[in-house]
Amino acid sequence: MNTAAATAGEAPGRVPGAGAGTGVVPPQRAAAPDGPSVSADGAPAVRDRLRHTAHRLRERTAPLRVPRLDPYWTAGFFFLAYTVLACWHFRTLSTSSWDLGIFEQAIRGYAHFGAPIVDLKGPGTNILGDHFSPVLVLLAPFYRLFPSSLTLLIAQAALFALSVLPVTRAAARSLGRLTGLAIGVAYGLSWGVQKAVDFDFHEIAFALPLIAFALEAVLRGRWTAVVCWAVPLVLVKEDLGVTAAAIGALALIRTRRASPLAIGLVAFGLSATAITLGVLIPGFNGSGSYDYWSKFGAEGGGAAIPLVTAVRTTLWVLLPTTGLLALRSPLLLVALPTLGWRFLSHEPHYWGIDWHYNAVLMPVVFLALIDALPRIRVSARPWLRSYAHHLPAAVLATALALTTTLPLARLTEAATYRTPPTAVAAEKLLARIPDGASVESDIRPLSRLTGRTRVFWTGDTGGLSPDYVATQLRSDRTPRQMLADVMGRHPRSTYVLLGSTGDLLVFHRTSAR
């Protein structure tokens, strides 16, 4: 009832003071049925809208979340992670060895339709006479478009990430979606791969996807594919022909018959290694021998590697990655050539957990684990069945825990995404060296010089007095003493300090006597 109107003596529903026929208040109109619902305080009910939007988003992205795409998304994630780490190395001039410069000089030669001459190894040195890696020619078109050492680092990130795909796919096919993802992520985070990503660039980046795809094909019984993936290993590095032969021997074991393809792969791998070491490399280096024979036997590093060192490194390869269950798979046979070279060489660097030397073992041990787990899960021993069921989660947890101390941990640091002022200043100083100049350099300046100048290693210019000398200032030397060192190496020329920033010095040749 209209109380105000009743009090005023008017009939309800009429406007006070209005005539009888004109003062009726029209009834309220109902809200449109499709309008937004209104809450008690008048705010729109956005919760329903958000639910509706999320539902539509799930429907539209459903094709992208099918299980068969999991390996591709996993590989894509690791490509981004590895690339960020590589870009950090490049931006901060954090080169850890001269290998990046060596490979850039070789690929630069291929990109300009020439021989892979690497002056860092000595003036006019053909890299095929040092290590036989003609597979590097595949990077030449990309380098021609983007002539920078960063191109090599990104290519390496892509190749390492590509190897994640067959490992994840094989694991999901044999063990289920979630277990497959766990093993795939653990492989991408494995310490051997992370250490290789952190080590600038190396030709073994091509070996990881080739080995991974070959062993995935072994698990599927696709023997033609096995051969197609294994054969190119002979073009990656001279010793990987034996690994290709080991894959052929594995095929013989799996098929339990004298398959012509498997026998041919064994013969091809061993023959390719023998020809490469005995004919091709000596022919390219002109010395008539393979320089790295000196690393074998006692000459390779003096006394034999201590047994405890060898056992410790082997356990690092097998324990945190596979919980030792890789030992129950014949796929581990493929790791024997790499381990065998180590035992024969007695080279201390091969027996550590740094550098890139363990990377080629990672796809082998993870795919061996994938091969072993289905059999062990139906073992007659209850404790072994339980161990096999829980191991994938444990391997992933171990990889995540170790990552806190490994290179990918840098992705969580804000400094990784900033370029330090010292690096900017160093780059500006090195930019003062003109394109095409001859430069004597040590490690740190290489990534800014090998793509546009002729670079020699410090003290190995073959009698040539370079136009510039770029070097790091050692803690026990002053700039004046460093200049005296330069003049001592090139007594027929006069050098002056062109500029310095931080610990980087650049000297310029002003005259020659």
Protein backbone atom coordinates (compact mmCIF):
# COMPACT_ATOMS: atom_id res chain seq x y z
CA MET A 1 0.00 0.00 0.00
CA ASN A 2 1.20 3.53 -0.86
CA THR A 3 1.40 4.89 2.69
CA ALA A 4 2.29 8.43 1.63
CA ALA A 5 -0.68 8.66 -0.69
CA ALA A 6 -3.05 7.20 1.87
CA THR A 7 -1.92 9.72 4.46
CA ALA A 8 -2.53 12.56 2.03
CA GLY A 9 -6.06 11.35 1.45
CA GLU A 10 -5.52 10.13 -2.02
CA ALA A 11 -6.21 6.73 -3.43
CA PRO A 12 -3.30 4.40 -3.63
CA GLY A 13 -1.59 4.39 -6.99
CA ARG A 14 -2.34 8.07 -7.70
CA VAL A 15 0.01 11.03 -7.58
CA PRO A 16 -1.01 13.47 -4.90
CA GLY A 17 -2.79 16.53 -6.25
CA ALA A 18 -3.35 15.00 -9.69
CA GLY A 19 -6.65 14.41 -11.40
CA ALA A 20 -8.37 11.09 -11.15
CA GLY A 21 -7.64 10.10 -14.68
CA THR A 22 -4.04 11.22 -14.98
CA GLY A 23 -2.22 10.34 -11.76
CA VAL A 24 -1.89 6.54 -12.01
CA VAL A 25 1.69 5.35 -11.51
CA PRO A 26 2.58 2.83 -14.26
CA PRO A 27 3.64 -0.60 -13.02
CA GLN A 28 7.41 -1.43 -12.95
CA ARG A 29 8.77 -3.22 -16.04
CA ALA A 30 10.54 -6.52 -15.48
CA ALA A 31 14.24 -6.69 -16.32
CA ALA A 32 15.21 -8.24 -19.64
CA PRO A 33 15.71 -11.95 -19.18
CA ASP A 34 19.11 -11.85 -20.88
CA GLY A 35 20.51 -8.91 -18.93
CA PRO A 36 23.26 -9.26 -16.36
CA SER A 37 22.25 -10.66 -13.02
CA VAL A 38 22.61 -8.28 -10.16
CA SER A 39 23.77 -9.15 -6.70
CA ALA A 40 22.25 -7.80 -3.52
CA ASP A 41 24.59 -4.78 -3.50
CA GLY A 42 24.02 -3.97 -7.18
CA ALA A 43 27.42 -5.28 -8.50
CA PRO A 44 27.42 -7.53 -11.60
CA ALA A 45 27.84 -11.24 -10.93
CA VAL A 46 31.24 -11.53 -12.64
CA ARG A 47 31.85 -14.94 -11.15
CA ASP A 48 29.42 -16.55 -13.57
CA ARG A 49 30.96 -14.71 -16.49
CA LEU A 50 34.45 -15.89 -15.49
CA ARG A 51 33.25 -19.46 -15.23
CA HIS A 52 31.67 -19.21 -18.66
CA THR A 53 34.85 -17.71 -20.17
CA ALA A 54 37.04 -20.37 -18.58
CA HIS A 55 34.76 -23.10 -19.89
CA ARG A 56 34.89 -21.70 -23.42
CA LEU A 57 38.69 -21.38 -23.17
CA ARG A 58 39.00 -25.02 -22.10
CA GLU A 59 36.85 -26.10 -25.01
CA ARG A 60 38.85 -24.12 -27.55
CA THR A 61 42.25 -25.27 -26.24
CA ALA A 62 41.23 -28.92 -25.83
CA PRO A 63 42.92 -29.92 -29.13
CA LEU A 64 46.20 -28.49 -27.79
CA ARG A 65 46.02 -30.52 -24.58
CA VAL A 66 45.72 -33.97 -26.08
CA PRO A 67 48.29 -36.47 -24.75
CA ARG A 68 50.09 -36.87 -28.06
CA LEU A 69 51.19 -33.21 -27.91
CA ASP A 70 52.73 -33.48 -24.44
CA PRO A 71 56.22 -34.32 -25.78
CA TYR A 72 56.13 -31.31 -28.09
CA TRP A 73 55.09 -28.91 -25.32
CA THR A 74 57.77 -30.34 -23.06
CA ALA A 75 60.43 -29.90 -25.73
CA GLY A 76 59.18 -26.36 -26.40
CA PHE A 77 59.43 -25.47 -22.72
CA PHE A 78 63.02 -26.66 -22.51
CA PHE A 79 63.91 -24.85 -25.73
CA LEU A 80 62.81 -21.60 -24.09
CA ALA A 81 64.68 -22.41 -20.89
CA TYR A 82 67.90 -23.36 -22.67
CA THR A 83 67.64 -20.32 -24.94
CA VAL A 84 67.29 -17.92 -22.01
CA LEU A 85 70.40 -19.42 -20.45
CA ALA A 86 72.28 -19.19 -23.76
CA CYS A 87 71.28 -15.56 -24.22
CA TRP A 88 72.50 -14.79 -20.72
CA HIS A 89 75.89 -16.25 -21.59
CA PHE A 90 76.07 -14.18 -24.75
CA ARG A 91 74.89 -10.88 -23.25
CA THR A 92 77.28 -11.05 -20.31
CA LEU A 93 80.29 -12.25 -22.34
CA SER A 94 80.43 -15.29 -20.05
CA THR A 95 82.29 -17.50 -22.49
CA SER A 96 83.85 -20.39 -20.60
CA SER A 97 86.28 -21.69 -23.24
CA TRP A 98 87.53 -21.03 -26.74
CA ASP A 99 85.28 -23.72 -28.27
CA LEU A 100 82.53 -21.23 -29.14
CA GLY A 101 85.00 -19.18 -31.15
CA ILE A 102 86.45 -22.30 -32.80
CA PHE A 103 83.06 -23.51 -33.99
CA GLU A 104 81.97 -20.07 -35.12
CA GLN A 105 85.08 -19.74 -37.30
CA ALA A 106 84.39 -23.17 -38.81
CA ILE A 107 80.72 -22.45 -39.53
CA ARG A 108 81.61 -19.01 -40.85
CA GLY A 109 83.85 -20.72 -43.40
CA TYR A 110 81.02 -23.04 -44.47
CA ALA A 111 78.58 -20.11 -44.64
CA HIS A 112 80.80 -18.35 -47.15
CA PHE A 113 81.27 -21.51 -49.25
CA GLY A 114 84.82 -22.04 -48.06
CA ALA A 115 86.77 -24.52 -46.00
CA PRO A 116 86.18 -24.59 -42.22
CA ILE A 117 89.39 -22.70 -41.40
CA VAL A 118 89.90 -22.09 -37.69
CA ASP A 119 92.74 -19.66 -37.06
CA LEU A 120 92.25 -20.03 -33.31
CA LYS A 121 93.79 -23.51 -33.60
CA GLY A 122 96.70 -22.07 -35.59
CA PRO A 123 96.79 -19.91 -38.74
CA GLY A 124 95.06 -21.68 -41.63
CA THR A 125 94.04 -24.78 -39.61
CA ASN A 126 91.26 -26.85 -41.17
CA ILE A 127 89.01 -28.01 -38.33
CA LEU A 128 88.35 -31.31 -40.11
CA GLY A 129 91.94 -32.19 -39.33
CA ASP A 130 91.29 -31.72 -35.63
CA HIS A 131 87.82 -33.19 -35.07
CA PHE A 132 85.75 -34.60 -37.92
CA SER A 133 82.39 -32.84 -37.63
CA PRO A 134 81.08 -32.05 -41.13
CA VAL A 135 77.55 -31.99 -39.69
CA LEU A 136 78.27 -28.37 -38.74
CA VAL A 137 77.61 -27.39 -42.34
CA LEU A 138 73.88 -27.68 -41.54
CA LEU A 139 74.15 -24.52 -39.45
CA ALA A 140 75.77 -22.51 -42.26
CA PRO A 141 72.52 -21.17 -43.81
CA PHE A 142 71.30 -19.94 -40.44
CA TYR A 143 74.65 -18.38 -39.68
CA ARG A 144 74.71 -16.65 -43.06
CA LEU A 145 71.37 -15.01 -42.16
CA PHE A 146 72.34 -14.26 -38.56
CA PRO A 147 76.18 -14.04 -38.36
CA SER A 148 76.68 -14.20 -34.61
CA SER A 149 77.87 -16.70 -32.06
CA LEU A 150 74.40 -16.36 -30.53
CA THR A 151 73.08 -18.25 -33.56
CA LEU A 152 75.18 -21.25 -32.55
CA LEU A 153 73.99 -21.07 -28.94
CA ILE A 154 70.32 -20.95 -29.94
CA ALA A 155 70.82 -23.79 -32.42
CA GLN A 156 72.36 -25.86 -29.65
CA ALA A 157 69.40 -25.07 -27.37
CA ALA A 158 67.05 -26.25 -30.12
CA LEU A 159 68.95 -29.51 -30.65
CA PHE A 160 69.09 -30.31 -26.94
CA ALA A 161 65.39 -29.55 -26.59
CA LEU A 162 64.62 -31.68 -29.63
CA SER A 163 66.10 -34.70 -27.84
CA VAL A 164 63.47 -34.24 -25.09
CA LEU A 165 60.73 -35.13 -27.59
CA PRO A 166 61.58 -38.82 -28.24
CA VAL A 167 62.44 -39.44 -24.58
CA THR A 168 59.10 -38.06 -23.38
CA ARG A 169 57.17 -39.78 -26.16
CA ALA A 170 58.76 -43.17 -25.49
CA ALA A 171 58.13 -42.84 -21.76
CA ALA A 172 54.46 -41.91 -22.24
CA ARG A 173 53.94 -44.76 -24.69
CA SER A 174 55.41 -47.35 -22.31
CA LEU A 175 54.43 -46.00 -18.90
CA GLY A 176 51.46 -43.68 -19.27
CA ARG A 177 50.93 -39.97 -19.66
CA LEU A 178 51.89 -38.62 -16.23
CA THR A 179 54.84 -40.96 -15.79
CA GLY A 180 56.00 -40.10 -19.29
CA LEU A 181 55.88 -36.40 -18.50
CA ALA A 182 57.78 -36.96 -15.27
CA ILE A 183 60.59 -38.80 -17.04
CA GLY A 184 60.65 -36.31 -19.91
CA VAL A 185 60.99 -33.35 -17.56
CA ALA A 186 63.61 -35.19 -15.50
CA TYR A 187 65.61 -35.78 -18.69
CA GLY A 188 65.39 -32.11 -19.70
CA LEU A 189 66.61 -31.15 -16.22
CA SER A 190 69.29 -33.85 -16.05
CA TRP A 191 72.67 -32.62 -14.88
CA GLY A 192 74.47 -33.88 -17.98
CA VAL A 193 72.27 -31.86 -20.31
CA GLN A 194 72.35 -28.76 -18.14
CA LYS A 195 76.13 -28.81 -17.96
CA ALA A 196 76.32 -29.08 -21.75
CA VAL A 197 73.92 -26.16 -22.22
CA ASP A 198 76.13 -24.13 -19.91
CA PHE A 199 79.26 -24.99 -21.89
CA ASP A 200 78.92 -22.57 -24.80
CA PHE A 201 78.66 -24.66 -28.02
CA HIS A 202 79.84 -28.12 -29.01
CA GLU A 203 79.18 -30.44 -31.94
CA ILE A 204 77.74 -33.14 -29.67
CA ALA A 205 74.53 -31.09 -29.67
CA PHE A 206 73.68 -32.98 -32.87
CA ALA A 207 74.35 -36.34 -31.23
CA LEU A 208 71.70 -36.08 -28.52
CA PRO A 209 68.61 -36.03 -30.79
CA LEU A 210 70.12 -38.61 -33.15
CA ILE A 211 70.78 -41.05 -30.30
CA ALA A 212 67.42 -40.35 -28.67
CA PHE A 213 65.42 -40.89 -31.87
CA ALA A 214 67.46 -44.00 -32.72
CA LEU A 215 66.82 -45.60 -29.33
CA GLU A 216 63.15 -44.66 -29.42
CA ALA A 217 62.96 -46.49 -32.74
CA VAL A 218 64.70 -49.48 -31.09
CA LEU A 219 61.97 -49.59 -28.44
CA ARG A 220 59.31 -49.55 -31.16
CA GLY A 221 61.05 -52.17 -33.30
CA ARG A 222 61.39 -49.85 -36.30
CA TRP A 223 64.74 -51.03 -37.55
CA THR A 224 64.91 -48.98 -40.72
CA ALA A 225 64.34 -45.86 -38.64
CA VAL A 226 67.05 -47.03 -36.23
CA VAL A 227 69.58 -47.15 -39.05
CA CYS A 228 68.48 -43.81 -40.50
CA TRP A 229 68.94 -42.07 -37.15
CA ALA A 230 72.20 -43.82 -36.23
CA VAL A 231 74.14 -43.47 -39.50
CA PRO A 232 74.54 -39.64 -39.32
CA LEU A 233 76.40 -40.00 -36.02
CA VAL A 234 79.59 -40.62 -38.00
CA LEU A 235 79.32 -37.03 -39.27
CA VAL A 236 79.02 -35.54 -35.78
CA LYS A 237 82.37 -36.63 -34.36
CA GLU A 238 84.98 -39.19 -35.21
CA ASP A 239 84.37 -41.42 -32.17
CA LEU A 240 80.58 -41.65 -32.58
CA GLY A 241 80.88 -44.21 -35.35
CA VAL A 242 81.52 -46.75 -32.60
CA THR A 243 78.33 -45.58 -30.88
CA ALA A 244 76.46 -46.15 -34.15
CA ALA A 245 77.94 -49.64 -34.28
CA ALA A 246 76.78 -50.23 -30.70
CA ILE A 247 73.25 -49.29 -31.75
CA GLY A 248 73.54 -51.86 -34.53
CA ALA A 249 74.69 -54.47 -32.01
CA LEU A 250 71.71 -53.56 -29.84
CA ALA A 251 69.41 -54.17 -32.80
CA LEU A 252 70.93 -57.64 -33.21
CA ILE A 253 70.27 -58.36 -29.54
CA ARG A 254 66.68 -57.14 -29.69
CA THR A 255 65.77 -58.98 -32.89
CA ARG A 256 67.73 -62.14 -32.00
CA ARG A 257 68.48 -62.71 -35.64
CA ALA A 258 71.17 -61.73 -38.12
CA SER A 259 69.36 -58.75 -39.60
CA PRO A 260 71.19 -57.32 -42.63
CA LEU A 261 70.35 -53.78 -41.51
CA ALA A 262 71.83 -54.32 -38.05
CA ILE A 263 74.94 -56.08 -39.35
CA GLY A 264 75.41 -53.34 -41.93
CA LEU A 265 75.12 -50.64 -39.26
CA VAL A 266 77.77 -52.35 -37.11
CA ALA A 267 80.13 -52.69 -40.07
CA PHE A 268 79.48 -49.14 -41.26
CA GLY A 269 80.03 -47.56 -37.85
CA LEU A 270 83.31 -49.34 -37.20
CA SER A 271 84.58 -48.76 -40.75
CA ALA A 272 83.66 -45.08 -40.67
CA THR A 273 85.55 -44.57 -37.41
CA ALA A 274 88.62 -46.39 -38.73
CA ILE A 275 88.65 -44.43 -42.00
CA THR A 276 88.07 -41.12 -40.22
CA LEU A 277 90.84 -41.65 -37.68
CA GLY A 278 93.29 -43.27 -40.05
CA VAL A 279 92.73 -41.41 -43.32
CA LEU A 280 90.44 -38.38 -43.26
CA ILE A 281 91.66 -36.49 -40.20
CA PRO A 282 95.38 -37.07 -40.94
CA GLY A 283 94.75 -35.96 -44.52
CA PHE A 284 93.14 -32.69 -43.47
CA ASN A 285 95.71 -31.75 -40.82
CA GLY A 286 98.71 -32.54 -42.97
CA SER A 287 100.60 -34.23 -40.13
CA GLY A 288 99.63 -37.74 -41.16
CA SER A 289 98.25 -38.60 -37.73
CA TYR A 290 95.40 -38.05 -35.31
CA ASP A 291 96.56 -35.52 -32.73
CA TYR A 292 94.43 -36.97 -29.92
CA TRP A 293 96.15 -40.36 -29.90
CA SER A 294 98.38 -38.73 -27.32
CA LYS A 295 95.45 -38.68 -24.89
CA PHE A 296 95.30 -42.46 -24.79
CA GLY A 297 97.26 -44.53 -22.32
CA ALA A 298 99.62 -43.02 -19.81
CA GLU A 299 100.40 -40.12 -22.15
CA GLY A 300 96.84 -38.93 -21.83
CA GLY A 301 97.28 -37.55 -18.35
CA GLY A 302 100.05 -39.34 -16.56
CA ALA A 303 98.85 -41.82 -13.96
CA ALA A 304 95.69 -43.78 -14.45
CA ILE A 305 92.44 -42.26 -13.25
CA PRO A 306 91.83 -43.31 -9.61
CA LEU A 307 89.21 -46.02 -9.31
CA VAL A 308 87.19 -43.94 -6.87
CA THR A 309 86.95 -41.12 -9.43
CA ALA A 310 85.76 -43.47 -12.16
CA VAL A 311 83.19 -45.09 -9.87
CA ARG A 312 81.92 -41.74 -8.62
CA THR A 313 81.36 -40.36 -12.12
CA THR A 314 79.71 -43.58 -13.29
CA LEU A 315 77.35 -43.44 -10.32
CA TRP A 316 76.52 -39.84 -11.18
CA VAL A 317 75.55 -41.03 -14.65
CA LEU A 318 73.32 -43.86 -13.40
CA LEU A 319 72.04 -43.15 -9.90
CA PRO A 320 70.28 -39.74 -9.86
CA THR A 321 69.00 -40.26 -13.40
CA THR A 322 67.72 -43.85 -13.29
CA GLY A 323 68.10 -45.16 -9.75
CA LEU A 324 70.46 -47.77 -11.27
CA LEU A 325 67.56 -49.51 -13.04
CA ALA A 326 69.11 -48.62 -16.41
CA LEU A 327 71.51 -51.47 -15.66
CA ARG A 328 68.63 -53.88 -16.32
CA SER A 329 68.25 -52.82 -19.96
CA PRO A 330 70.38 -53.84 -22.95
CA LEU A 331 70.08 -50.26 -24.21
CA LEU A 332 72.90 -49.38 -21.82
CA LEU A 333 75.20 -51.11 -24.30
CA VAL A 334 75.12 -47.88 -26.33
CA ALA A 335 76.88 -46.05 -23.47
CA LEU A 336 79.86 -48.41 -23.49
CA PRO A 337 81.85 -46.73 -26.31
CA THR A 338 81.75 -43.35 -24.56
CA LEU A 339 82.74 -44.89 -21.23
CA GLY A 340 85.36 -47.01 -22.98
CA TRP A 341 87.10 -43.97 -24.49
CA ARG A 342 87.36 -42.56 -21.00
CA PHE A 343 88.96 -45.63 -19.50
CA LEU A 344 91.45 -45.79 -22.37
CA SER A 345 92.33 -42.09 -22.42
CA HIS A 346 92.99 -41.43 -18.73
CA GLU A 347 92.08 -37.78 -19.44
CA PRO A 348 91.03 -36.20 -16.10
CA HIS A 349 88.48 -33.87 -17.70
CA TYR A 350 86.48 -36.85 -18.99
CA TRP A 351 85.89 -38.10 -15.47
CA GLY A 352 84.31 -35.02 -13.94
CA ILE A 353 80.70 -33.88 -13.99
CA ASP A 354 81.43 -30.53 -15.65
CA TRP A 355 81.68 -29.55 -19.29
CA HIS A 356 79.77 -31.40 -22.01
CA TYR A 357 81.31 -34.86 -21.83
CA ASN A 358 78.36 -36.59 -20.14
CA ALA A 359 75.60 -35.17 -22.34
CA VAL A 360 75.58 -38.02 -24.89
CA LEU A 361 75.04 -40.49 -22.04
CA MET A 362 71.82 -38.85 -20.84
CA PRO A 363 69.44 -40.03 -23.62
CA VAL A 364 70.98 -43.51 -23.37
CA VAL A 365 70.41 -43.97 -19.64
CA PHE A 366 66.91 -42.44 -19.66
CA LEU A 367 65.72 -44.58 -22.54
CA ALA A 368 67.31 -47.61 -20.85
CA LEU A 369 65.21 -46.77 -17.80
CA ILE A 370 62.08 -46.52 -19.95
CA ASP A 371 62.90 -49.92 -21.42
CA ALA A 372 63.47 -51.55 -18.02
CA LEU A 373 60.54 -50.18 -16.00
CA PRO A 374 57.64 -52.13 -17.62
CA ARG A 375 59.36 -55.46 -16.92
CA ILE A 376 60.36 -54.56 -13.39
CA ARG A 377 56.84 -53.39 -12.56
CA VAL A 378 55.63 -56.98 -12.95
CA SER A 379 58.57 -58.50 -11.11
CA ALA A 380 57.93 -61.37 -8.71
CA ARG A 381 59.67 -59.36 -5.97
CA PRO A 382 57.21 -56.98 -4.25
CA TRP A 383 59.92 -54.55 -3.14
CA LEU A 384 61.23 -54.30 -6.68
CA ARG A 385 57.75 -53.68 -8.07
CA SER A 386 57.21 -50.94 -5.52
CA TYR A 387 60.60 -49.41 -6.31
CA ALA A 388 59.82 -49.36 -10.03
CA HIS A 389 56.41 -47.75 -9.47
CA HIS A 390 57.82 -44.95 -7.33
CA LEU A 391 61.07 -44.38 -9.21
CA PRO A 392 59.81 -41.96 -11.94
CA ALA A 393 58.55 -39.52 -9.30
CA ALA A 394 61.81 -39.92 -7.37
CA VAL A 395 63.88 -39.26 -10.50
CA LEU A 396 61.89 -36.10 -11.21
CA ALA A 397 62.22 -34.94 -7.59
CA THR A 398 65.96 -35.57 -7.71
CA ALA A 399 66.32 -33.60 -10.95
CA LEU A 400 64.39 -30.68 -9.47
CA ALA A 401 66.47 -30.74 -6.30
CA LEU A 402 69.76 -30.85 -8.21
CA THR A 403 68.62 -28.03 -10.48
CA THR A 404 68.88 -25.61 -7.55
CA THR A 405 72.66 -25.95 -7.89
CA LEU A 406 72.80 -26.32 -11.68
CA PRO A 407 72.80 -23.73 -14.51
CA LEU A 408 69.01 -23.57 -14.99
CA ALA A 409 68.71 -22.20 -11.46
CA ARG A 410 69.80 -18.88 -12.97
CA LEU A 411 66.35 -18.59 -14.56
CA THR A 412 64.99 -17.73 -11.12
CA GLU A 413 67.43 -14.84 -10.63
CA ALA A 414 66.49 -11.31 -11.70
CA ALA A 415 70.07 -10.60 -12.81
CA THR A 416 69.69 -13.18 -15.58
CA TYR A 417 67.32 -10.87 -17.43
CA ARG A 418 69.50 -7.77 -17.18
CA THR A 419 72.67 -6.87 -19.05
CA PRO A 420 75.32 -5.68 -16.59
CA PRO A 421 76.96 -2.31 -17.32
CA THR A 422 80.38 -3.96 -17.46
CA ALA A 423 79.23 -6.13 -20.38
CA VAL A 424 77.80 -3.11 -22.21
CA ALA A 425 81.05 -1.21 -21.77
CA ALA A 426 83.10 -4.22 -22.94
CA GLU A 427 80.95 -4.60 -26.03
CA LYS A 428 81.36 -0.93 -26.91
CA LEU A 429 85.12 -1.21 -26.53
CA LEU A 430 85.32 -4.29 -28.76
CA ALA A 431 83.10 -2.57 -31.34
CA ARG A 432 85.96 -0.10 -31.91
CA ILE A 433 87.88 -2.91 -33.61
CA PRO A 434 86.94 -2.62 -37.33
CA ASP A 435 85.49 -5.51 -39.32
CA GLY A 436 88.06 -7.57 -41.16
CA ALA A 437 90.93 -6.66 -38.84
CA SER A 438 93.33 -9.29 -37.50
CA VAL A 439 93.05 -9.75 -33.75
CA GLU A 440 94.94 -11.71 -31.13
CA SER A 441 92.54 -12.61 -28.34
CA ASP A 442 91.97 -14.75 -25.29
CA ILE A 443 88.65 -16.27 -24.21
CA ARG A 444 86.32 -13.49 -23.08
CA PRO A 445 86.32 -11.20 -26.17
CA LEU A 446 85.91 -14.07 -28.67
CA SER A 447 82.11 -14.01 -28.96
CA ARG A 448 82.21 -10.42 -30.28
CA LEU A 449 85.12 -10.90 -32.67
CA THR A 450 85.10 -14.27 -34.46
CA GLY A 451 82.08 -13.36 -36.58
CA ARG A 452 83.60 -10.25 -38.16
CA THR A 453 87.40 -10.32 -37.77
CA ARG A 454 90.25 -12.78 -38.24
CA VAL A 455 91.02 -13.97 -34.72
CA PHE A 456 94.12 -15.78 -33.49
CA TRP A 457 94.72 -17.32 -30.11
CA THR A 458 97.05 -15.42 -27.80
CA GLY A 459 100.64 -16.37 -28.61
CA ASP A 460 99.74 -18.45 -31.68
CA THR A 461 99.64 -16.06 -34.62
CA GLY A 462 102.27 -17.87 -36.69
CA GLY A 463 104.61 -14.85 -36.75
CA LEU A 464 101.87 -12.44 -37.87
CA SER A 465 101.64 -9.17 -35.95
CA PRO A 466 97.88 -8.63 -35.52
CA ASP A 467 96.22 -5.25 -35.94
CA TYR A 468 94.70 -5.48 -32.48
CA VAL A 469 95.16 -7.44 -29.28
CA ALA A 470 92.13 -8.00 -27.02
CA THR A 471 92.86 -9.52 -23.65
CA GLN A 472 91.67 -9.79 -20.10
CA LEU A 473 93.69 -8.04 -17.41
CA ARG A 474 95.11 -10.67 -15.10
CA SER A 475 95.02 -10.03 -11.37
CA ASP A 476 98.81 -10.21 -11.12
CA ARG A 477 99.50 -7.77 -13.97
CA THR A 478 99.07 -4.06 -14.65
CA PRO A 479 98.00 -2.58 -18.03
CA ARG A 480 101.59 -1.42 -18.58
CA GLN A 481 102.89 -4.95 -17.94
CA MET A 482 100.25 -6.38 -20.29
CA LEU A 483 101.44 -3.97 -22.98
CA ALA A 484 104.99 -5.13 -22.41
CA ASP A 485 103.81 -8.73 -22.85
CA VAL A 486 102.19 -7.82 -26.17
CA MET A 487 105.35 -6.09 -27.37
CA GLY A 488 107.37 -9.12 -26.28
CA ARG A 489 105.22 -11.44 -28.42
CA HIS A 490 105.40 -9.09 -31.42
CA PRO A 491 108.79 -7.33 -31.17
CA ARG A 492 108.64 -5.99 -34.74
CA SER A 493 105.55 -3.88 -34.08
CA THR A 494 104.54 -1.04 -31.82
CA TYR A 495 101.29 -1.17 -29.87
CA VAL A 496 99.40 1.40 -27.84
CA LEU A 497 96.45 1.04 -25.51
CA LEU A 498 93.28 1.69 -27.52
CA GLY A 499 90.98 1.48 -24.51
CA SER A 500 90.10 -0.41 -21.37
CA THR A 501 87.04 -1.17 -19.31
CA GLY A 502 86.89 -3.29 -16.21
CA ASP A 503 89.27 -6.19 -16.79
CA LEU A 504 89.29 -5.92 -20.60
CA LEU A 505 92.12 -4.27 -22.52
CA VAL A 506 92.45 -3.59 -26.26
CA PHE A 507 95.79 -2.67 -27.82
CA HIS A 508 96.20 -1.26 -31.34
CA ARG A 509 99.21 -1.71 -33.60
CA THR A 510 100.46 1.69 -34.72
CA SER A 511 103.59 0.73 -36.66
CA ALA A 512 105.64 -2.24 -37.81
CA ARG A 513 109.40 -2.42 -37.98
